[in-house]
Every structure is written in C-alpha cells, then in structure tokens.
C-alpha cells in the first residue's frame, strides 16, 4: 500500500511539474518570440530538478542553476582559448578577456541572487 502511494505521488508530482513548466514557458513565450516556448521547455527539462518544482519560485531556481552551469561551461571554453592562444589578433584577445570578465561577473551575480532568494 505504501509503495503504491509513493508511486502515485511521484506520478502526480511529475504531472504538476510538467504542467507548471509548460504554463510558465507559454507565458514567457507570449512576452518573447514564439520559438522561445520550445527553447524554454528544453532548457528547463534538461535539469532533472525541474521535475521537483511545485511553483514558479522553484522553476526560477532551476533556471538560475541552468544559467550558472552554462556560464561556467562557456567561461571554461574562453579560458581554454586564451590559455592555448587560439586567437588571431590583439583585438580578439581583448574581446575574449572582456567576455571572460563578464561571464565571471554574471556568475557572481547569480550566486549572490540565489543566496538572497
């Protein structure tokens, strides 16, 4: 009986999370461009934590974590390009260093925002 309850509770939880994700992405797509809906669904659903979301606040946290993860990956790529000197001009190097700084600041800002949230 307990196993059945837990199974049904898990199924219901996923339905709630999926509905919340779809509704939130639909609302965001109305504000943004229409193709944003698919992007929104894919980016939120790529994080398994999204299935635990019970409200928009939970989805915001999932989205921030996704953004931080993506920023960290891009920052790593830029650092690698700079380390291996895979740029062709001083202007490219400066642009990459600016990019690196912006990604670092962005990640710091998101980290602070999560702590305050």
Protein backbone atom coordinates (compact mmCIF):
# COMPACT_ATOMS: atom_id res chain seq x y z
CA UNK A 1 0.00 0.00 0.00
CA UNK A 2 2.80 2.42 0.89
CA UNK A 3 4.66 1.61 -2.32
CA UNK A 4 1.51 2.27 -4.35
CA UNK A 5 1.02 5.61 -2.58
CA UNK A 6 4.63 6.64 -3.25
CA UNK A 7 4.34 5.60 -6.89
CA UNK A 8 1.11 7.55 -7.38
CA UNK A 9 2.54 10.54 -5.53
CA UNK A 10 5.58 10.53 -7.84
CA UNK A 11 3.38 10.38 -10.93
CA UNK A 12 1.22 13.24 -9.65
CA UNK A 13 4.32 15.28 -8.78
CA UNK A 14 5.67 14.89 -12.32
CA UNK A 15 2.33 15.97 -13.77
CA UNK A 16 2.31 19.06 -11.56
CA UNK A 17 5.88 19.94 -12.51
CA UNK A 18 5.29 19.34 -16.23
CA UNK A 19 2.14 21.44 -16.19
CA UNK A 20 3.92 24.21 -14.30
CA UNK A 21 6.81 24.16 -16.76
CA UNK A 22 4.52 24.25 -19.80
CA UNK A 23 2.38 27.07 -18.37
CA UNK A 24 5.41 29.14 -17.36
CA UNK A 25 7.05 28.70 -20.75
CA UNK A 26 3.80 29.63 -22.53
CA UNK A 27 3.57 32.85 -20.51
CA UNK A 28 7.21 33.66 -21.21
CA UNK A 29 6.76 32.91 -24.91
CA UNK A 30 3.95 35.47 -25.12
CA UNK A 31 6.37 38.12 -23.92
CA UNK A 32 9.25 36.87 -26.05
CA UNK A 33 9.22 35.38 -29.51
CA UNK A 34 7.12 32.31 -30.26
CA UNK A 35 10.08 29.97 -30.83
CA UNK A 36 11.09 30.73 -27.25
CA UNK A 37 8.50 28.20 -25.99
CA UNK A 38 10.42 25.17 -27.29
CA UNK A 39 13.71 26.57 -26.06
CA UNK A 40 12.19 27.22 -22.64
CA UNK A 41 10.82 23.69 -22.35
CA UNK A 42 14.08 22.09 -23.45
CA UNK A 43 16.30 24.18 -21.21
CA UNK A 44 14.20 23.68 -18.08
CA UNK A 45 13.55 19.99 -18.71
CA UNK A 46 17.27 19.29 -19.19
CA UNK A 47 17.66 19.74 -15.45
CA UNK A 48 16.14 16.79 -13.52
CA UNK A 49 15.49 19.14 -10.60
CA UNK A 50 12.74 20.76 -12.69
CA UNK A 51 10.58 17.69 -12.07
CA UNK A 52 10.54 18.56 -8.37
CA UNK A 53 9.24 22.09 -8.99
CA UNK A 54 5.97 22.88 -7.26
CA UNK A 55 5.75 26.59 -8.05
CA UNK A 56 7.29 29.34 -10.15
CA UNK A 57 9.86 30.10 -7.45
CA UNK A 58 11.18 26.54 -7.75
CA UNK A 59 11.42 26.96 -11.53
CA UNK A 60 13.31 30.22 -11.11
CA UNK A 61 15.91 28.43 -9.01
CA UNK A 62 16.20 25.68 -11.64
CA UNK A 63 16.62 28.32 -14.35
CA UNK A 64 19.30 30.15 -12.40
CA UNK A 65 21.19 26.92 -11.82
CA UNK A 66 20.98 26.17 -15.55
CA UNK A 67 22.29 29.63 -16.38
CA UNK A 68 25.16 29.26 -13.92
CA UNK A 69 26.09 25.88 -15.36
CA UNK A 70 26.04 27.20 -18.91
CA UNK A 71 28.04 30.28 -17.94
CA UNK A 72 30.65 28.10 -16.27
CA UNK A 73 30.96 25.95 -19.40
CA UNK A 74 31.34 28.95 -21.71
CA UNK A 75 33.82 30.56 -19.34
CA UNK A 76 35.87 27.35 -19.46
CA UNK A 77 35.89 27.42 -23.27
CA UNK A 78 37.04 31.04 -23.29
CA UNK A 79 39.74 30.32 -20.71
CA UNK A 80 40.98 27.43 -22.85
CA UNK A 81 41.12 29.60 -25.97
CA UNK A 82 43.12 32.22 -24.08
CA UNK A 83 45.43 29.67 -22.48
CA UNK A 84 46.17 27.97 -25.80
CA UNK A 85 46.44 31.34 -27.57
CA UNK A 86 43.91 30.28 -30.21
CA UNK A 87 43.09 33.82 -31.24
CA UNK A 88 44.43 35.73 -34.19
CA UNK A 89 44.75 39.31 -33.04
CA UNK A 90 45.15 41.55 -30.02
CA UNK A 91 41.57 42.70 -30.55
CA UNK A 92 40.35 39.09 -30.35
CA UNK A 93 42.34 38.57 -27.18
CA UNK A 94 40.91 41.72 -25.62
CA UNK A 95 37.38 40.72 -26.59
CA UNK A 96 37.87 37.26 -25.10
CA UNK A 97 39.23 38.74 -21.86
CA UNK A 98 36.23 41.09 -21.70
CA UNK A 99 33.95 38.11 -22.28
CA UNK A 100 35.69 36.19 -19.51
CA UNK A 101 35.22 39.08 -17.10
CA UNK A 102 31.54 39.46 -17.99
CA UNK A 103 30.86 35.74 -17.53
CA UNK A 104 32.66 35.81 -14.17
CA UNK A 105 30.65 38.82 -13.03
CA UNK A 106 27.43 37.27 -14.28
CA UNK A 107 28.07 34.06 -12.42
CA UNK A 108 28.93 36.00 -9.25
CA UNK A 109 25.70 38.00 -9.59
CA UNK A 110 23.61 34.86 -9.98
CA UNK A 111 25.32 33.27 -6.98
CA UNK A 112 24.55 36.34 -4.86
CA UNK A 113 20.97 36.42 -6.12
CA UNK A 114 20.43 32.80 -5.09
CA UNK A 115 21.80 33.49 -1.63
CA UNK A 116 19.43 36.44 -1.23
CA UNK A 117 16.49 34.48 -2.64
